[in-house]
PDB file of N, CA and C in Angstrom:
ATOM      1  N   MET A   1     161.049 125.060 118.171  1.00  0.00           N
ATOM      2  CA  MET A   1     159.986 124.069 118.253  1.00  0.00           C
ATOM      3  C   MET A   1     160.523 122.732 117.728  1.00  0.00           C
ATOM      4  N   SER A   2     160.414 121.703 118.559  1.00  0.00           N
ATOM      5  CA  SER A   2     160.939 120.410 118.155  1.00  0.00           C
ATOM      6  C   SER A   2     159.996 119.731 117.169  1.00  0.00           C
ATOM      7  N   ARG A   3     160.556 118.878 116.385  1.00  0.00           N
ATOM      8  CA  ARG A   3     159.771 118.129 115.407  1.00  0.00           C
ATOM      9  C   ARG A   3     159.366 116.795 116.027  1.00  0.00           C
ATOM     10  N   ARG A   4     158.526 116.868 117.051  1.00  0.00           N
ATOM     11  CA  ARG A   4     158.105 115.689 117.776  1.00  0.00           C
ATOM     12  C   ARG A   4     156.609 115.789 118.051  1.00  0.00           C
ATOM     13  N   CYS A   5     155.900 114.694 117.831  1.00  0.00           N
ATOM     14  CA  CYS A   5     154.460 114.641 118.079  1.00  0.00           C
ATOM     15  C   CYS A   5     154.214 114.703 119.582  1.00  0.00           C
ATOM     16  N   GLU A   6     153.260 115.542 120.004  1.00  0.00           N
ATOM     17  CA  GLU A   6     152.988 115.706 121.420  1.00  0.00           C
ATOM     18  C   GLU A   6     152.200 114.541 122.015  1.00  0.00           C
ATOM     19  N   LEU A   7     151.536 113.746 121.200  1.00  0.00           N
ATOM     20  CA  LEU A   7     150.747 112.633 121.715  1.00  0.00           C
ATOM     21  C   LEU A   7     151.453 111.292 121.600  1.00  0.00           C
ATOM     22  N   THR A   8     152.135 111.038 120.498  1.00  0.00           N
ATOM     23  CA  THR A   8     152.776 109.733 120.309  1.00  0.00           C
ATOM     24  C   THR A   8     154.269 109.769 120.565  1.00  0.00           C
ATOM     25  N   GLY A   9     154.870 110.940 120.570  1.00  0.00           N
ATOM     26  CA  GLY A   9     156.307 111.051 120.804  1.00  0.00           C
ATOM     27  C   GLY A   9     157.164 110.721 119.597  1.00  0.00           C
ATOM     28  N   ILE A  10     156.542 110.510 118.443  1.00  0.00           N
ATOM     29  CA  ILE A  10     157.308 110.165 117.245  1.00  0.00           C
ATOM     30  C   ILE A  10     158.122 111.377 116.789  1.00  0.00           C
ATOM     31  N   GLY A  11     159.362 111.125 116.397  1.00  0.00           N
ATOM     32  CA  GLY A  11     160.252 112.191 115.959  1.00  0.00           C
ATOM     33  C   GLY A  11     160.933 111.828 114.651  1.00  0.00           C
ATOM     34  N   PRO A  12     161.927 112.615 114.247  1.00  0.00           N
ATOM     35  CA  PRO A  12     162.618 112.334 112.990  1.00  0.00           C
ATOM     36  C   PRO A  12     163.373 111.006 113.042  1.00  0.00           C
ATOM     37  N   MET A  13     163.397 110.314 111.897  1.00  0.00           N
ATOM     38  CA  MET A  13     164.176 109.089 111.759  1.00  0.00           C
ATOM     39  C   MET A  13     165.245 109.351 110.705  1.00  0.00           C
ATOM     40  N   VAL A  14     166.270 108.535 110.693  1.00  0.00           N
ATOM     41  CA  VAL A  14     167.352 108.715 109.736  1.00  0.00           C
ATOM     42  C   VAL A  14     167.438 107.501 108.824  1.00  0.00           C
ATOM     43  N   GLY A  15     167.957 107.734 107.631  1.00  0.00           N
ATOM     44  CA  GLY A  15     168.100 106.659 106.660  1.00  0.00           C
ATOM     45  C   GLY A  15     168.972 107.112 105.513  1.00  0.00           C
ATOM     46  N   ASN A  16     168.819 106.465 104.387  1.00  0.00           N
ATOM     47  CA  ASN A  16     169.644 106.752 103.226  1.00  0.00           C
ATOM     48  C   ASN A  16     168.787 107.112 102.023  1.00  0.00           C
ATOM     49  N   ASN A  17     169.259 108.092 101.230  1.00  0.00           N
ATOM     50  CA  ASN A  17     168.791 108.250  99.863  1.00  0.00           C
ATOM     51  C   ASN A  17     169.593 107.270  99.033  1.00  0.00           C
ATOM     52  N   VAL A  18     168.939 106.491  98.217  1.00  0.00           N
ATOM     53  CA  VAL A  18     169.644 105.510  97.385  1.00  0.00           C
ATOM     54  C   VAL A  18     169.371 105.854  95.933  1.00  0.00           C
ATOM     55  N   SER A  19     170.431 106.191  95.216  1.00  0.00           N
ATOM     56  CA  SER A  19     170.279 106.553  93.809  1.00  0.00           C
ATOM     57  C   SER A  19     170.168 105.296  92.953  1.00  0.00           C
ATOM     58  N   HIS A  20     169.923 105.488  91.675  1.00  0.00           N
ATOM     59  CA  HIS A  20     169.825 104.374  90.742  1.00  0.00           C
ATOM     60  C   HIS A  20     171.142 103.599  90.688  1.00  0.00           C
ATOM     61  N   ALA A  21     172.241 104.311  90.873  1.00  0.00           N
ATOM     62  CA  ALA A  21     173.566 103.679  90.868  1.00  0.00           C
ATOM     63  C   ALA A  21     173.943 103.127  92.243  1.00  0.00           C
ATOM     64  N   LYS A  22     172.997 103.090  93.157  1.00  0.00           N
ATOM     65  CA  LYS A  22     173.166 102.580  94.513  1.00  0.00           C
ATOM     66  C   LYS A  22     174.110 103.424  95.362  1.00  0.00           C
ATOM     67  N   ASN A  23     174.288 104.703  95.028  1.00  0.00           N
ATOM     68  CA  ASN A  23     175.036 105.610  95.897  1.00  0.00           C
ATOM     69  C   ASN A  23     174.133 105.965  97.075  1.00  0.00           C
ATOM     70  N   ARG A  24     174.719 105.936  98.271  1.00  0.00           N
ATOM     71  CA  ARG A  24     173.926 106.185  99.468  1.00  0.00           C
ATOM     72  C   ARG A  24     174.385 107.465 100.149  1.00  0.00           C
ATOM     73  N   THR A  25     173.417 108.345 100.419  1.00  0.00           N
ATOM     74  CA  THR A  25     173.687 109.564 101.177  1.00  0.00           C
ATOM     75  C   THR A  25     172.670 109.635 102.317  1.00  0.00           C
ATOM     76  N   ARG A  26     173.104 110.163 103.442  1.00  0.00           N
ATOM     77  CA  ARG A  26     172.254 110.207 104.616  1.00  0.00           C
ATOM     78  C   ARG A  26     171.127 111.238 104.451  1.00  0.00           C
ATOM     79  N   ARG A  27     169.974 110.935 105.062  1.00  0.00           N
ATOM     80  CA  ARG A  27     168.846 111.846 105.025  1.00  0.00           C
ATOM     81  C   ARG A  27     168.016 111.663 106.283  1.00  0.00           C
ATOM     82  N   ARG A  28     167.084 112.587 106.509  1.00  0.00           N
ATOM     83  CA  ARG A  28     166.165 112.518 107.642  1.00  0.00           C
ATOM     84  C   ARG A  28     164.743 112.346 107.133  1.00  0.00           C
ATOM     85  N   PHE A  29     163.995 111.490 107.800  1.00  0.00           N
ATOM     86  CA  PHE A  29     162.575 111.324 107.520  1.00  0.00           C
ATOM     87  C   PHE A  29     161.821 112.058 108.623  1.00  0.00           C
ATOM     88  N   LEU A  30     161.181 113.173 108.286  1.00  0.00           N
ATOM     89  CA  LEU A  30     160.486 113.983 109.275  1.00  0.00           C
ATOM     90  C   LEU A  30     159.035 113.529 109.417  1.00  0.00           C
ATOM     91  N   PRO A  31     158.491 113.553 110.639  1.00  0.00           N
ATOM     92  CA  PRO A  31     157.080 113.184 110.816  1.00  0.00           C
ATOM     93  C   PRO A  31     156.168 114.238 110.213  1.00  0.00           C
ATOM     94  N   ASN A  32     154.975 113.814 109.825  1.00  0.00           N
ATOM     95  CA  ASN A  32     153.990 114.714 109.223  1.00  0.00           C
ATOM     96  C   ASN A  32     153.220 115.401 110.348  1.00  0.00           C
ATOM     97  N   LEU A  33     153.786 116.507 110.862  1.00  0.00           N
ATOM     98  CA  LEU A  33     153.189 117.200 111.997  1.00  0.00           C
ATOM     99  C   LEU A  33     152.202 118.269 111.535  1.00  0.00           C
ATOM    100  N   GLN A  34     151.096 118.358 112.260  1.00  0.00           N
ATOM    101  CA  GLN A  34     150.057 119.341 111.966  1.00  0.00           C
ATOM    102  C   GLN A  34     149.700 120.078 113.252  1.00  0.00           C
ATOM    103  N   ASP A  35     149.412 121.362 113.142  1.00  0.00           N
ATOM    104  CA  ASP A  35     148.892 122.134 114.269  1.00  0.00           C
ATOM    105  C   ASP A  35     147.376 121.990 114.271  1.00  0.00           C
ATOM    106  N   VAL A  36     146.843 121.319 115.294  1.00  0.00           N
ATOM    107  CA  VAL A  36     145.405 121.065 115.346  1.00  0.00           C
ATOM    108  C   VAL A  36     144.841 121.538 116.678  1.00  0.00           C
ATOM    109  N   THR A  37     143.543 121.761 116.700  1.00  0.00           N
ATOM    110  CA  THR A  37     142.823 122.096 117.914  1.00  0.00           C
ATOM    111  C   THR A  37     141.888 120.934 118.229  1.00  0.00           C
ATOM    112  N   LEU A  38     142.134 120.287 119.359  1.00  0.00           N
ATOM    113  CA  LEU A  38     141.317 119.155 119.784  1.00  0.00           C
ATOM    114  C   LEU A  38     140.421 119.596 120.936  1.00  0.00           C
ATOM    115  N   ILE A  39     139.177 119.135 120.916  1.00  0.00           N
ATOM    116  CA  ILE A  39     138.191 119.554 121.906  1.00  0.00           C
ATOM    117  C   ILE A  39     137.960 118.426 122.907  1.00  0.00           C
ATOM    118  N   SER A  40     138.050 118.768 124.187  1.00  0.00           N
ATOM    119  CA  SER A  40     137.774 117.814 125.257  1.00  0.00           C
ATOM    120  C   SER A  40     136.294 117.944 125.638  1.00  0.00           C
ATOM    121  N   ASP A  41     135.570 116.830 125.569  1.00  0.00           N
ATOM    122  CA  ASP A  41     134.143 116.846 125.915  1.00  0.00           C
ATOM    123  C   ASP A  41     133.937 117.000 127.417  1.00  0.00           C
ATOM    124  N   SER A  42     134.779 116.356 128.212  1.00  0.00           N
ATOM    125  CA  SER A  42     134.583 116.400 129.656  1.00  0.00           C
ATOM    126  C   SER A  42     134.950 117.757 130.250  1.00  0.00           C
ATOM    127  N   LEU A  43     135.943 118.442 129.662  1.00  0.00           N
ATOM    128  CA  LEU A  43     136.340 119.754 130.168  1.00  0.00           C
ATOM    129  C   LEU A  43     135.600 120.890 129.483  1.00  0.00           C
ATOM    130  N   GLY A  44     135.084 120.636 128.290  1.00  0.00           N
ATOM    131  CA  GLY A  44     134.400 121.681 127.536  1.00  0.00           C
ATOM    132  C   GLY A  44     135.350 122.738 127.008  1.00  0.00           C
ATOM    133  N   ARG A  45     136.594 122.378 126.805  1.00  0.00           N
ATOM    134  CA  ARG A  45     137.621 123.308 126.326  1.00  0.00           C
ATOM    135  C   ARG A  45     138.299 122.719 125.097  1.00  0.00           C
ATOM    136  N   SER A  46     139.008 123.597 124.393  1.00  0.00           N
ATOM    137  CA  SER A  46     139.800 123.136 123.257  1.00  0.00           C
ATOM    138  C   SER A  46     141.277 123.343 123.570  1.00  0.00           C
ATOM    139  N   PHE A  47     142.118 122.498 122.976  1.00  0.00           N
ATOM    140  CA  PHE A  47     143.561 122.539 123.207  1.00  0.00           C
ATOM    141  C   PHE A  47     144.270 122.522 121.858  1.00  0.00           C
ATOM    142  N   LYS A  48     145.267 123.407 121.700  1.00  0.00           N
ATOM    143  CA  LYS A  48     146.077 123.436 120.485  1.00  0.00           C
ATOM    144  C   LYS A  48     147.292 122.555 120.700  1.00  0.00           C
ATOM    145  N   LEU A  49     147.466 121.577 119.816  1.00  0.00           N
ATOM    146  CA  LEU A  49     148.576 120.639 119.913  1.00  0.00           C
ATOM    147  C   LEU A  49     149.229 120.489 118.548  1.00  0.00           C
ATOM    148  N   ARG A  50     150.485 120.074 118.563  1.00  0.00           N
ATOM    149  CA  ARG A  50     151.223 119.781 117.329  1.00  0.00           C
ATOM    150  C   ARG A  50     151.399 118.265 117.281  1.00  0.00           C
ATOM    151  N   ILE A  51     150.558 117.616 116.469  1.00  0.00           N
ATOM    152  CA  ILE A  51     150.561 116.155 116.443  1.00  0.00           C
ATOM    153  C   ILE A  51     150.736 115.652 115.022  1.00  0.00           C
ATOM    154  N   SER A  52     151.105 114.389 114.900  1.00  0.00           N
ATOM    155  CA  SER A  52     151.268 113.770 113.592  1.00  0.00           C
ATOM    156  C   SER A  52     149.902 113.386 113.036  1.00  0.00           C
ATOM    157  N   SER A  53     149.844 113.206 111.733  1.00  0.00           N
ATOM    158  CA  SER A  53     148.567 112.838 111.115  1.00  0.00           C
ATOM    159  C   SER A  53     148.150 111.432 111.547  1.00  0.00           C
ATOM    160  N   LYS A  54     149.108 110.563 111.837  1.00  0.00           N
ATOM    161  CA  LYS A  54     148.791 109.226 112.338  1.00  0.00           C
ATOM    162  C   LYS A  54     148.114 109.321 113.704  1.00  0.00           C
ATOM    163  N   ALA A  55     148.607 110.202 114.564  1.00  0.00           N
ATOM    164  CA  ALA A  55     147.999 110.386 115.881  1.00  0.00           C
ATOM    165  C   ALA A  55     146.587 110.942 115.750  1.00  0.00           C
ATOM    166  N   LEU A  56     146.370 111.830 114.793  1.00  0.00           N
ATOM    167  CA  LEU A  56     145.036 112.389 114.586  1.00  0.00           C
ATOM    168  C   LEU A  56     144.044 111.304 114.166  1.00  0.00           C
ATOM    169  N   ARG A  57     144.475 110.380 113.306  1.00  0.00           N
ATOM    170  CA  ARG A  57     143.621 109.256 112.917  1.00  0.00           C
ATOM    171  C   ARG A  57     143.339 108.350 114.111  1.00  0.00           C
ATOM    172  N   THR A  58     144.340 108.169 114.978  1.00  0.00           N
ATOM    173  CA  THR A  58     144.164 107.320 116.149  1.00  0.00           C
ATOM    174  C   THR A  58     143.184 107.949 117.133  1.00  0.00           C
ATOM    175  N   VAL A  59     143.231 109.258 117.284  1.00  0.00           N
ATOM    176  CA  VAL A  59     142.270 109.956 118.156  1.00  0.00           C
ATOM    177  C   VAL A  59     140.855 109.720 117.640  1.00  0.00           C
ATOM    178  N   ASP A  60     140.647 109.828 116.343  1.00  0.00           N
ATOM    179  CA  ASP A  60     139.322 109.574 115.763  1.00  0.00           C
ATOM    180  C   ASP A  60     138.904 108.118 115.967  1.00  0.00           C
ATOM    181  N   HIS A  61     139.856 107.198 115.811  1.00  0.00           N
ATOM    182  CA  HIS A  61     139.553 105.770 115.913  1.00  0.00           C
ATOM    183  C   HIS A  61     139.147 105.378 117.336  1.00  0.00           C
ATOM    184  N   ARG A  62     139.787 105.969 118.321  1.00  0.00           N
ATOM    185  CA  ARG A  62     139.501 105.625 119.720  1.00  0.00           C
ATOM    186  C   ARG A  62     138.258 106.314 120.262  1.00  0.00           C
ATOM    187  N   GLY A  63     137.664 107.195 119.494  1.00  0.00           N
ATOM    188  CA  GLY A  63     136.402 107.786 119.917  1.00  0.00           C
ATOM    189  C   GLY A  63     136.517 109.174 120.499  1.00  0.00           C
ATOM    190  N   GLY A  64     137.550 109.901 120.146  1.00  0.00           N
ATOM    191  CA  GLY A  64     137.667 111.277 120.598  1.00  0.00           C
ATOM    192  C   GLY A  64     138.900 111.510 121.453  1.00  0.00           C
ATOM    193  N   PHE A  65     139.113 112.772 121.761  1.00  0.00           N
ATOM    194  CA  PHE A  65     140.310 113.200 122.477  1.00  0.00           C
ATOM    195  C   PHE A  65     140.339 112.651 123.906  1.00  0.00           C
ATOM    196  N   ASP A  66     139.201 112.669 124.592  1.00  0.00           N
ATOM    197  CA  ASP A  66     139.153 112.180 125.974  1.00  0.00           C
ATOM    198  C   ASP A  66     139.461 110.690 126.048  1.00  0.00           C
ATOM    199  N   ALA A  67     138.892 109.911 125.147  1.00  0.00           N
ATOM    200  CA  ALA A  67     139.131 108.469 125.140  1.00  0.00           C
ATOM    201  C   ALA A  67     140.586 108.158 124.804  1.00  0.00           C
ATOM    202  N   TYR A  68     141.169 108.936 123.897  1.00  0.00           N
ATOM    203  CA  TYR A  68     142.572 108.724 123.551  1.00  0.00           C
ATOM    204  C   TYR A  68     143.469 108.997 124.750  1.00  0.00           C
ATOM    205  N   MET A  69     143.219 110.120 125.434  1.00  0.00           N
ATOM    206  CA  MET A  69     144.069 110.496 126.563  1.00  0.00           C
ATOM    207  C   MET A  69     143.934 109.513 127.720  1.00  0.00           C
ATOM    208  N   ALA A  70     142.775 108.890 127.881  1.00  0.00           N
ATOM    209  CA  ALA A  70     142.589 107.918 128.955  1.00  0.00           C
ATOM    210  C   ALA A  70     143.476 106.691 128.750  1.00  0.00           C
ATOM    211  N   LYS A  71     143.702 106.307 127.494  1.00  0.00           N
ATOM    212  CA  LYS A  71     144.502 105.116 127.200  1.00  0.00           C
ATOM    213  C   LYS A  71     145.965 105.422 126.895  1.00  0.00           C
ATOM    214  N   ALA A  72     146.325 106.705 126.748  1.00  0.00           N
ATOM    215  CA  ALA A  72     147.685 107.077 126.342  1.00  0.00           C
ATOM    216  C   ALA A  72     148.686 106.790 127.453  1.00  0.00           C
ATOM    217  N   LYS A  73     149.884 106.364 127.047  1.00  0.00           N
ATOM    218  CA  LYS A  73     150.959 106.111 128.000  1.00  0.00           C
ATOM    219  C   LYS A  73     151.623 107.426 128.372  1.00  0.00           C
ATOM    220  N   ASP A  74     151.924 107.591 129.650  1.00  0.00           N
ATOM    221  CA  ASP A  74     152.524 108.838 130.128  1.00  0.00           C
ATOM    222  C   ASP A  74     153.898 109.085 129.525  1.00  0.00           C
ATOM    223  N   ALA A  75     154.656 108.029 129.227  1.00  0.00           N
ATOM    224  CA  ALA A  75     156.019 108.179 128.706  1.00  0.00           C
ATOM    225  C   ALA A  75     156.027 108.794 127.304  1.00  0.00           C
ATOM    226  N   GLU A  76     154.967 108.568 126.531  1.00  0.00           N
ATOM    227  CA  GLU A  76     154.915 109.075 125.161  1.00  0.00           C
ATOM    228  C   GLU A  76     154.439 110.520 125.087  1.00  0.00           C
ATOM    229  N   LEU A  77     153.693 110.980 126.083  1.00  0.00           N
ATOM    230  CA  LEU A  77     153.097 112.311 126.040  1.00  0.00           C
ATOM    231  C   LEU A  77     154.117 113.395 126.374  1.00  0.00           C
ATOM    232  N   SER A  78     153.923 114.561 125.774  1.00  0.00           N
ATOM    233  CA  SER A  78     154.749 115.717 126.115  1.00  0.00           C
ATOM    234  C   SER A  78     154.297 116.261 127.469  1.00  0.00           C
ATOM    235  N   ASP A  79     155.049 117.207 128.018  1.00  0.00           N
ATOM    236  CA  ASP A  79     154.692 117.786 129.313  1.00  0.00           C
ATOM    237  C   ASP A  79     153.326 118.467 129.257  1.00  0.00           C
ATOM    238  N   ASN A  80     153.076 119.193 128.166  1.00  0.00           N
ATOM    239  CA  ASN A  80     151.795 119.877 127.991  1.00  0.00           C
ATOM    240  C   ASN A  80     150.650 118.867 127.904  1.00  0.00           C
ATOM    241  N   ALA A  81     150.833 117.795 127.134  1.00  0.00           N
ATOM    242  CA  ALA A  81     149.789 116.786 126.978  1.00  0.00           C
ATOM    243  C   ALA A  81     149.566 116.022 128.276  1.00  0.00           C
ATOM    244  N   LEU A  82     150.615 115.852 129.075  1.00  0.00           N
ATOM    245  CA  LEU A  82     150.475 115.157 130.349  1.00  0.00           C
ATOM    246  C   LEU A  82     149.623 115.963 131.329  1.00  0.00           C
ATOM    247  N   LYS A  83     149.782 117.281 131.315  1.00  0.00           N
ATOM    248  CA  LYS A  83     148.944 118.145 132.149  1.00  0.00           C
ATOM    249  C   LYS A  83     147.478 118.056 131.718  1.00  0.00           C
ATOM    250  N   ILE A  84     147.260 118.048 130.414  1.00  0.00           N
ATOM    251  CA  ILE A  84     145.894 117.942 129.883  1.00  0.00           C
ATOM    252  C   ILE A  84     145.276 116.608 130.299  1.00  0.00           C
ATOM    253  N   LYS A  85     146.065 115.524 130.222  1.00  0.00           N
ATOM    254  CA  LYS A  85     145.561 114.206 130.591  1.00  0.00           C
ATOM    255  C   LYS A  85     145.130 114.180 132.054  1.00  0.00           C
ATOM    256  N   LYS A  86     145.923 114.775 132.933  1.00  0.00           N
ATOM    257  CA  LYS A  86     145.578 114.792 134.356  1.00  0.00           C
ATOM    258  C   LYS A  86     144.306 115.580 134.602  1.00  0.00           C
ATOM    259  N   GLU A  87     144.129 116.691 133.879  1.00  0.00           N
ATOM    260  CA  GLU A  87     142.885 117.477 134.017  1.00  0.00           C
ATOM    261  C   GLU A  87     141.679 116.675 133.573  1.00  0.00           C
ATOM    262  N   ILE A  88     141.819 115.961 132.453  1.00  0.00           N
ATOM    263  CA  ILE A  88     140.710 115.169 131.921  1.00  0.00           C
ATOM    264  C   ILE A  88     140.351 114.043 132.881  1.00  0.00           C
ATOM    265  N   LEU A  89     141.363 113.339 133.409  1.00  0.00           N
ATOM    266  CA  LEU A  89     141.084 112.224 134.329  1.00  0.00           C
ATOM    267  C   LEU A  89     140.454 112.730 135.614  1.00  0.00           C
ATOM    268  N   LYS A  90     140.855 113.922 136.080  1.00  0.00           N
ATOM    269  CA  LYS A  90     140.273 114.497 137.292  1.00  0.00           C
ATOM    270  C   LYS A  90     138.808 114.866 137.047  1.00  0.00           C
ATOM    271  N   ALA A  91     138.500 115.376 135.845  1.00  0.00           N
ATOM    272  CA  ALA A  91     137.123 115.753 135.531  1.00  0.00           C
ATOM    273  C   ALA A  91     136.229 114.535 135.362  1.00  0.00           C
ATOM    274  N   GLN A  92     136.789 113.427 134.896  1.00  0.00           N
ATOM    275  CA  GLN A  92     135.995 112.220 134.664  1.00  0.00           C
ATOM    276  C   GLN A  92     135.827 111.384 135.931  1.00  0.00           C
ATOM    277  N   ALA A  93     136.660 111.592 136.953  1.00  0.00           N
ATOM    278  CA  ALA A  93     136.631 110.755 138.156  1.00  0.00           C
ATOM    279  C   ALA A  93     135.269 110.772 138.881  1.00  0.00           C
ATOM    280  N   PRO A  94     134.676 111.948 139.154  1.00  0.00           N
ATOM    281  CA  PRO A  94     133.389 111.916 139.854  1.00  0.00           C
ATOM    282  C   PRO A  94     132.237 111.394 138.998  1.00  0.00           C
ATOM    283  N   ALA A  95     132.386 111.439 137.707  1.00  0.00           N
ATOM    284  CA  ALA A  95     131.280 111.073 136.814  1.00  0.00           C
ATOM    285  C   ALA A  95     131.034 109.589 136.768  1.00  0.00           C
TER     286      ALA A  95
END
């Protein structure tokens, strides 16, 4: 399982640990990934995704999972999330 957010595409970053004596050693900054279940109002289903806590706050800010997926860029989404987005847009089209 990769350490990458399924909605934002954020992954590990690299940097340095810097000691008091200014010795630098390489390290990785891992994203804060959580396994969450998000509910789609238009489909009436729930989806299990592995997303970062920042993405979860953004979903709440935009007004829910459906609203987030409508505005999400296809390049950032994982293959699984892209399939979900297409289902949601298809369900919302006749409405």
